């Protein structure tokens, strides 16, 4: 019996380790589908077009916005990011669980359009560790670094709008928590009505 997949939104401040968590989660749960975002940000060392992001220019991005091709989009740290709507919808219809690794602005848009999505906020252990992680990237200017740290302090306040919060301190433990959340959500009665109805027969209507 086919059922619609779950939309899982991961977001949090820059430096929280969202990308690393997603990578490890996908290794443990290969059935999950990661939606690759479109961005006008220049590639960082090691990033691959179509795998890390779909890299494009601002003109083309704005054309995609006009055509309604994004589930959500936002301008973050002077660059545009967006989630391709068609890709997400096709996989959800196939019963696959899709992960969106997006910023807080984008998550708010998704919540308006897809209130049944699962929203998970990723936090660093503390601000100092967040600063260290951004520095280790080696891709940020002093201006960009200061902007990301300042924004992070404000973005942390947004976690109260999420369903779950996971502190990314010990990577292995954080990944296990994400797995646990996904497994628990898959077991919710509201997501399994047809299957449970077959078990109950006519004795208990759901």
Protein backbone atom coordinates (compact mmCIF):
# COMPACT_ATOMS: atom_id res chain seq x y z
CA UNK A 1 0.00 0.00 0.00
CA UNK A 2 1.54 3.29 -1.08
CA UNK A 3 1.35 6.38 1.09
CA UNK A 4 2.71 9.88 0.78
CA UNK A 5 6.25 10.42 2.00
CA UNK A 6 7.22 12.75 4.84
CA UNK A 7 8.82 16.14 4.30
CA UNK A 8 11.61 16.64 6.86
CA UNK A 9 13.03 20.14 7.31
CA UNK A 10 16.45 20.63 8.91
CA UNK A 11 17.58 24.16 9.62
CA UNK A 12 19.64 26.17 12.05
CA UNK A 13 22.38 28.79 12.09
CA UNK A 14 25.42 28.70 9.83
CA UNK A 15 28.08 26.56 11.50
CA UNK A 16 25.63 24.26 13.29
CA UNK A 17 26.76 21.37 11.11
CA UNK A 18 23.57 20.73 9.13
CA UNK A 19 25.42 19.54 6.05
CA UNK A 20 27.57 17.07 7.95
CA UNK A 21 24.55 15.70 9.80
CA UNK A 22 22.62 15.24 6.56
CA UNK A 23 25.54 13.43 4.96
CA UNK A 24 25.86 11.00 7.86
CA UNK A 25 22.10 10.49 8.12
CA UNK A 26 21.87 9.58 4.43
CA UNK A 27 24.64 7.00 4.85
CA UNK A 28 22.65 5.33 7.63
CA UNK A 29 19.26 5.80 5.98
CA UNK A 30 19.81 5.49 2.21
CA UNK A 31 16.05 5.37 1.62
CA UNK A 32 15.87 9.09 2.46
CA UNK A 33 16.03 11.61 -0.39
CA UNK A 34 17.95 14.85 -0.01
CA UNK A 35 16.56 17.77 -1.98
CA UNK A 36 19.43 19.68 -3.61
CA UNK A 37 18.95 23.44 -3.39
CA UNK A 38 19.61 26.02 -6.08
CA UNK A 39 21.95 28.85 -5.04
CA UNK A 40 23.73 31.89 -6.41
CA UNK A 41 26.53 31.37 -3.86
CA UNK A 42 29.95 30.52 -5.34
CA UNK A 43 30.99 26.88 -4.78
CA UNK A 44 33.23 26.15 -1.80
CA UNK A 45 36.25 23.88 -2.23
CA UNK A 46 35.08 20.30 -2.84
CA UNK A 47 31.46 21.19 -3.66
CA UNK A 48 30.02 19.62 -6.81
CA UNK A 49 27.31 21.14 -8.98
CA UNK A 50 24.14 19.03 -8.84
CA UNK A 51 25.32 17.23 -5.71
CA UNK A 52 26.10 19.92 -3.14
CA UNK A 53 23.93 22.57 -4.82
CA UNK A 54 22.74 23.59 -8.24
CA UNK A 55 24.88 26.67 -8.77
CA UNK A 56 23.41 29.42 -10.92
CA UNK A 57 23.50 33.19 -11.39
CA UNK A 58 21.12 35.76 -9.94
CA UNK A 59 19.38 36.45 -13.25
CA UNK A 60 18.43 32.81 -13.80
CA UNK A 61 17.42 32.39 -10.16
CA UNK A 62 14.99 35.30 -10.39
CA UNK A 63 13.49 33.81 -13.56
CA UNK A 64 12.85 30.58 -11.64
CA UNK A 65 11.13 32.59 -8.90
CA UNK A 66 8.87 34.28 -11.47
CA UNK A 67 7.91 30.89 -12.91
CA UNK A 68 6.96 29.58 -9.45
CA UNK A 69 9.55 26.80 -9.57
CA UNK A 70 10.50 27.00 -5.88
CA UNK A 71 8.80 25.46 -2.87
CA UNK A 72 10.64 28.11 -0.88
CA UNK A 73 13.38 30.63 -1.53
CA UNK A 74 15.22 33.30 0.38
CA UNK A 75 18.16 35.68 0.25
CA UNK A 76 20.69 34.73 2.91
CA UNK A 77 24.08 36.38 3.49
CA UNK A 78 23.71 38.26 0.19
CA UNK A 79 23.08 35.08 -1.84
CA UNK A 80 19.86 33.42 -3.01
CA UNK A 81 18.81 29.88 -2.12
CA UNK A 82 15.75 27.94 -3.24
CA UNK A 83 14.19 24.46 -3.11
CA UNK A 84 12.96 23.06 -6.47
CA UNK A 85 9.24 22.35 -6.02
CA UNK A 86 8.87 19.67 -8.72
CA UNK A 87 11.62 17.43 -7.32
CA UNK A 88 10.15 17.45 -3.81
CA UNK A 89 6.57 16.82 -4.88
CA UNK A 90 7.45 13.95 -7.22
CA UNK A 91 9.33 12.07 -4.52
CA UNK A 92 6.69 12.64 -1.84
CA UNK A 93 4.05 11.23 -4.20
CA UNK A 94 6.23 8.14 -4.65
CA UNK A 95 6.10 7.61 -0.89
CA UNK A 96 9.71 8.68 -0.31
CA UNK A 97 10.75 10.78 2.68
CA UNK A 98 12.46 13.98 1.54
CA UNK A 99 14.92 16.05 3.57
CA UNK A 100 15.26 19.78 3.09
CA UNK A 101 18.42 21.32 4.53
CA UNK A 102 17.41 24.99 4.39
CA UNK A 103 17.73 28.27 6.26
CA UNK A 104 15.23 29.61 8.75
CA UNK A 105 13.56 32.01 6.30
CA UNK A 106 12.89 29.14 3.94
CA UNK A 107 11.61 26.90 6.73
CA UNK A 108 9.00 29.51 7.60
CA UNK A 109 7.74 29.47 4.01
CA UNK A 110 7.57 25.68 4.01
CA UNK A 111 5.60 25.74 7.26
CA UNK A 112 3.00 28.01 5.64
CA UNK A 113 2.68 25.78 2.56
CA UNK A 114 3.28 22.35 4.15
CA UNK A 115 2.14 22.49 7.81
CA UNK A 116 2.34 18.68 8.11
CA UNK A 117 6.11 18.71 7.49
CA UNK A 118 8.50 17.78 10.31
CA UNK A 119 10.66 20.67 11.48
CA UNK A 120 13.98 19.96 13.22
CA UNK A 121 16.28 22.70 14.49
CA UNK A 122 20.02 21.97 14.61
CA UNK A 123 22.05 23.80 17.25
CA UNK A 124 25.78 24.04 17.92
CA UNK A 125 26.94 23.18 21.47
CA UNK A 126 27.69 26.88 22.02
CA UNK A 127 28.53 30.07 20.12
CA UNK A 128 32.29 29.57 20.46
CA UNK A 129 32.12 26.18 18.77
CA UNK A 130 29.96 27.68 16.04
CA UNK A 131 32.63 30.33 15.44
CA UNK A 132 35.32 27.66 15.25
CA UNK A 133 33.36 25.66 12.68
CA UNK A 134 32.88 28.68 10.45
CA UNK A 135 36.58 29.55 10.69
CA UNK A 136 37.61 25.96 9.80
CA UNK A 137 35.74 26.26 6.50
CA UNK A 138 38.39 28.73 5.39
CA UNK A 139 35.95 30.22 2.89
CA UNK A 140 34.64 33.26 4.78
CA UNK A 141 35.95 36.81 4.72
CA UNK A 142 36.09 38.78 7.99
CA UNK A 143 32.93 40.62 6.95
CA UNK A 144 31.11 37.40 6.09
CA UNK A 145 32.25 35.75 9.32
CA UNK A 146 30.96 38.63 11.47
CA UNK A 147 27.64 38.62 9.61
CA UNK A 148 27.13 34.89 10.10
CA UNK A 149 27.92 35.03 13.83
CA UNK A 150 25.62 38.00 14.38
CA UNK A 151 22.82 36.33 12.42
CA UNK A 152 23.29 33.05 14.32
CA UNK A 153 22.60 34.73 17.64
CA UNK A 154 19.25 35.93 16.29
CA UNK A 155 18.44 32.68 14.46
CA UNK A 156 18.75 30.63 17.64
CA UNK A 157 15.57 32.30 18.87
CA UNK A 158 13.66 30.64 16.02
CA UNK A 159 14.05 27.13 17.47
CA UNK A 160 10.84 27.56 19.47
CA UNK A 161 8.92 27.45 16.19
CA UNK A 162 10.21 23.94 15.44
CA UNK A 163 8.94 20.49 16.44
CA UNK A 164 12.33 19.20 17.59
CA UNK A 165 15.75 20.54 18.57
CA UNK A 166 18.97 18.55 18.22
CA UNK A 167 22.30 19.78 19.60
CA UNK A 168 25.10 18.79 17.23
CA UNK A 169 27.82 18.16 19.81
CA UNK A 170 28.83 14.53 19.36
CA UNK A 171 28.10 13.80 15.69
CA UNK A 172 27.18 10.12 16.15
CA UNK A 173 24.71 10.92 18.93
CA UNK A 174 23.13 13.76 16.95
CA UNK A 175 22.60 11.47 13.95
CA UNK A 176 20.98 8.83 16.19
CA UNK A 177 18.57 11.47 17.49
CA UNK A 178 17.60 12.43 13.95
CA UNK A 179 17.01 8.77 13.12
CA UNK A 180 14.84 8.36 16.21
CA UNK A 181 12.72 11.37 15.27
CA UNK A 182 12.13 10.02 11.76
CA UNK A 183 11.25 6.53 12.98
CA UNK A 184 8.82 7.93 15.56
CA UNK A 185 7.15 10.17 12.98
CA UNK A 186 6.69 7.20 10.63
CA UNK A 187 4.79 5.41 13.39
CA UNK A 188 2.27 8.19 14.02
CA UNK A 189 -1.33 7.06 13.69
CA UNK A 190 -2.18 10.00 11.44
CA UNK A 191 0.41 8.79 8.89
CA UNK A 192 -0.81 5.17 8.93
CA UNK A 193 -4.59 5.39 8.90
CA UNK A 194 -5.15 3.11 5.91
CA UNK A 195 -2.83 0.39 7.18
CA UNK A 196 -4.24 0.53 10.71
CA UNK A 197 -7.77 0.42 9.35
CA UNK A 198 -6.99 -2.90 7.69
CA UNK A 199 -5.72 -4.24 11.01
CA UNK A 200 -8.77 -3.01 12.87
CA UNK A 201 -11.21 -4.19 10.15
CA UNK A 202 -14.62 -2.77 10.91
CA UNK A 203 -14.17 -2.84 14.64
CA UNK A 204 -12.57 0.56 15.05
CA UNK A 205 -12.90 3.40 12.62
CA UNK A 206 -9.92 5.77 12.44
